[in-house]
């Protein structure tokens, strides 16, 4: 489970990097065009990876 939690955190950070690299722009009609969906996905993945890491540590101490 340790590898999975690390992978989830890294994918979450990758979402933040992708958001910055894609960037945002204003279309000709005045609407903002940005990949906003990456931000909540990134936070969810980082949170899930952190919870899984804490659970792994707790499970290891119990044994």
N, C-alpha and C. Protein backbone atom coordinates (compact mmCIF):
# COMPACT_ATOMS: atom_id res chain seq x y z
N UNK A 1 0.83 -1.20 0.00
CA UNK A 1 0.00 0.00 0.00
C UNK A 1 0.86 1.25 0.00
N UNK A 2 2.11 1.10 0.42
CA UNK A 2 3.01 2.25 0.46
C UNK A 2 3.24 2.80 -0.96
N UNK A 3 3.44 1.90 -1.90
CA UNK A 3 3.68 2.34 -3.28
C UNK A 3 2.45 3.01 -3.88
N UNK A 4 1.29 2.50 -3.53
CA UNK A 4 0.05 3.08 -4.06
C UNK A 4 -0.13 4.49 -3.52
N UNK A 5 0.14 4.71 -2.23
CA UNK A 5 -0.04 6.05 -1.67
C UNK A 5 0.95 7.03 -2.29
N UNK A 6 2.18 6.58 -2.52
CA UNK A 6 3.17 7.45 -3.17
C UNK A 6 2.73 7.77 -4.59
N UNK A 7 2.22 6.76 -5.31
CA UNK A 7 1.76 6.98 -6.68
C UNK A 7 0.59 7.96 -6.73
N UNK A 8 -0.34 7.84 -5.78
CA UNK A 8 -1.49 8.75 -5.77
C UNK A 8 -1.04 10.20 -5.53
N UNK A 9 -0.11 10.39 -4.61
CA UNK A 9 0.39 11.73 -4.34
C UNK A 9 1.12 12.28 -5.56
N UNK A 10 1.93 11.46 -6.21
CA UNK A 10 2.65 11.92 -7.39
C UNK A 10 1.72 12.26 -8.55
N UNK A 11 0.68 11.48 -8.73
CA UNK A 11 -0.30 11.79 -9.79
C UNK A 11 -1.03 13.08 -9.46
N UNK A 12 -1.34 13.28 -8.18
CA UNK A 12 -1.98 14.53 -7.76
C UNK A 12 -1.09 15.74 -8.03
N UNK A 13 0.19 15.60 -7.72
CA UNK A 13 1.11 16.70 -8.01
C UNK A 13 1.26 16.90 -9.52
N UNK A 14 1.19 15.80 -10.26
CA UNK A 14 1.22 15.91 -11.72
C UNK A 14 0.03 16.67 -12.27
N UNK A 15 -1.12 16.54 -11.62
CA UNK A 15 -2.30 17.31 -12.03
C UNK A 15 -2.06 18.80 -11.83
N UNK A 16 -1.42 19.18 -10.71
CA UNK A 16 -1.10 20.59 -10.50
C UNK A 16 -0.12 21.10 -11.56
N UNK A 17 0.87 20.29 -11.87
CA UNK A 17 1.85 20.69 -12.90
C UNK A 17 1.16 20.82 -14.26
N UNK A 18 0.28 19.87 -14.58
CA UNK A 18 -0.44 19.95 -15.86
C UNK A 18 -1.31 21.19 -15.92
N UNK A 19 -1.95 21.54 -14.80
CA UNK A 19 -2.78 22.74 -14.77
C UNK A 19 -1.94 23.98 -15.08
N UNK A 20 -0.74 24.05 -14.49
CA UNK A 20 0.13 25.20 -14.73
C UNK A 20 0.66 25.21 -16.17
N UNK A 21 0.98 24.04 -16.69
CA UNK A 21 1.55 23.98 -18.04
C UNK A 21 0.50 24.30 -19.11
N UNK A 22 -0.73 23.81 -18.90
CA UNK A 22 -1.79 24.08 -19.88
C UNK A 22 -2.15 25.55 -19.87
N UNK A 23 -2.26 26.10 -18.67
CA UNK A 23 -2.57 27.52 -18.54
C UNK A 23 -4.03 27.83 -18.82
N UNK A 24 -4.34 29.10 -18.76
CA UNK A 24 -5.70 29.55 -19.02
C UNK A 24 -5.65 30.71 -20.00
N UNK A 25 -6.75 30.89 -20.68
CA UNK A 25 -6.82 31.97 -21.66
C UNK A 25 -8.25 32.50 -21.71
N UNK A 26 -8.38 33.63 -22.32
CA UNK A 26 -9.70 34.24 -22.50
C UNK A 26 -10.07 34.12 -23.98
N UNK A 27 -11.20 33.50 -24.23
CA UNK A 27 -11.65 33.31 -25.61
C UNK A 27 -12.12 34.63 -26.19
N UNK A 28 -12.38 34.63 -27.48
CA UNK A 28 -12.81 35.84 -28.17
C UNK A 28 -14.15 36.37 -27.65
N UNK A 29 -15.00 35.46 -27.16
CA UNK A 29 -16.30 35.91 -26.66
C UNK A 29 -16.24 36.31 -25.19
N UNK A 30 -15.06 36.29 -24.58
CA UNK A 30 -14.89 36.77 -23.21
C UNK A 30 -14.98 35.70 -22.14
N UNK A 31 -15.12 34.45 -22.53
CA UNK A 31 -15.19 33.38 -21.53
C UNK A 31 -13.78 32.90 -21.17
N UNK A 32 -13.62 32.52 -19.92
CA UNK A 32 -12.35 32.02 -19.44
C UNK A 32 -12.24 30.53 -19.77
N UNK A 33 -11.16 30.16 -20.41
CA UNK A 33 -10.92 28.78 -20.77
C UNK A 33 -9.74 28.27 -19.95
N UNK A 34 -10.02 27.34 -19.02
CA UNK A 34 -8.96 26.77 -18.20
C UNK A 34 -9.33 25.35 -17.80
N UNK A 35 -8.33 24.51 -17.50
CA UNK A 35 -8.61 23.13 -17.09
C UNK A 35 -8.86 23.05 -15.59
N UNK A 36 -9.94 23.68 -15.12
CA UNK A 36 -10.21 23.78 -13.69
C UNK A 36 -10.45 22.43 -13.05
N UNK A 37 -10.91 21.44 -13.83
CA UNK A 37 -11.20 20.13 -13.27
C UNK A 37 -9.97 19.46 -12.67
N UNK A 38 -8.78 19.88 -13.08
CA UNK A 38 -7.55 19.27 -12.56
C UNK A 38 -7.29 19.62 -11.09
N UNK A 39 -7.78 20.76 -10.63
CA UNK A 39 -7.51 21.18 -9.25
C UNK A 39 -8.22 20.28 -8.24
N UNK A 40 -9.53 20.05 -8.32
CA UNK A 40 -10.15 19.16 -7.34
C UNK A 40 -9.67 17.72 -7.45
N UNK A 41 -9.35 17.27 -8.67
CA UNK A 41 -8.82 15.92 -8.83
C UNK A 41 -7.48 15.80 -8.13
N UNK A 42 -6.64 16.82 -8.28
CA UNK A 42 -5.32 16.80 -7.63
C UNK A 42 -5.46 16.76 -6.11
N UNK A 43 -6.32 17.60 -5.56
CA UNK A 43 -6.50 17.60 -4.10
C UNK A 43 -7.06 16.29 -3.61
N UNK A 44 -7.99 15.70 -4.35
CA UNK A 44 -8.57 14.42 -3.94
C UNK A 44 -7.53 13.31 -3.95
N UNK A 45 -6.68 13.29 -4.97
CA UNK A 45 -5.64 12.27 -5.05
C UNK A 45 -4.60 12.44 -3.94
N UNK A 46 -4.21 13.66 -3.66
CA UNK A 46 -3.23 13.91 -2.60
C UNK A 46 -3.83 13.53 -1.25
N UNK A 47 -5.08 13.90 -1.03
CA UNK A 47 -5.74 13.56 0.24
C UNK A 47 -5.87 12.04 0.39
N UNK A 48 -6.28 11.36 -0.66
CA UNK A 48 -6.42 9.91 -0.62
C UNK A 48 -5.07 9.24 -0.39
N UNK A 49 -4.03 9.72 -1.04
CA UNK A 49 -2.70 9.17 -0.83
C UNK A 49 -2.21 9.39 0.59
N UNK A 50 -2.50 10.56 1.16
CA UNK A 50 -2.12 10.85 2.54
C UNK A 50 -2.85 9.97 3.53
N UNK A 51 -4.14 9.78 3.32
CA UNK A 51 -4.93 8.92 4.20
C UNK A 51 -4.42 7.48 4.12
N UNK A 52 -4.11 7.03 2.92
CA UNK A 52 -3.61 5.68 2.74
C UNK A 52 -2.24 5.51 3.40
N UNK A 53 -1.40 6.54 3.32
CA UNK A 53 -0.09 6.48 3.97
C UNK A 53 -0.24 6.42 5.49
N UNK A 54 -1.12 7.21 6.04
CA UNK A 54 -1.35 7.18 7.50
C UNK A 54 -1.90 5.83 7.91
N UNK A 55 -2.82 5.27 7.14
CA UNK A 55 -3.38 3.95 7.45
C UNK A 55 -2.29 2.88 7.39
N UNK A 56 -1.37 3.00 6.45
CA UNK A 56 -0.28 2.04 6.35
C UNK A 56 0.63 2.13 7.56
N UNK A 57 0.93 3.33 8.02
CA UNK A 57 1.78 3.51 9.20
C UNK A 57 1.09 2.94 10.44
N UNK A 58 -0.19 3.24 10.59
CA UNK A 58 -0.93 2.73 11.74
C UNK A 58 -1.00 1.22 11.72
N UNK A 59 -1.25 0.66 10.56
CA UNK A 59 -1.33 -0.80 10.43
C UNK A 59 0.02 -1.44 10.73
N UNK A 60 1.10 -0.80 10.33
CA UNK A 60 2.44 -1.32 10.62
C UNK A 60 2.78 -1.27 12.10
N UNK A 61 2.32 -0.26 12.78
CA UNK A 61 2.59 -0.15 14.23
C UNK A 61 1.76 -1.11 15.05
N UNK A 62 0.58 -1.45 14.55
CA UNK A 62 -0.28 -2.39 15.26
C UNK A 62 0.32 -3.79 15.25
N UNK A 63 0.92 -4.17 14.12
CA UNK A 63 1.49 -5.52 14.00
C UNK A 63 2.69 -5.72 14.86
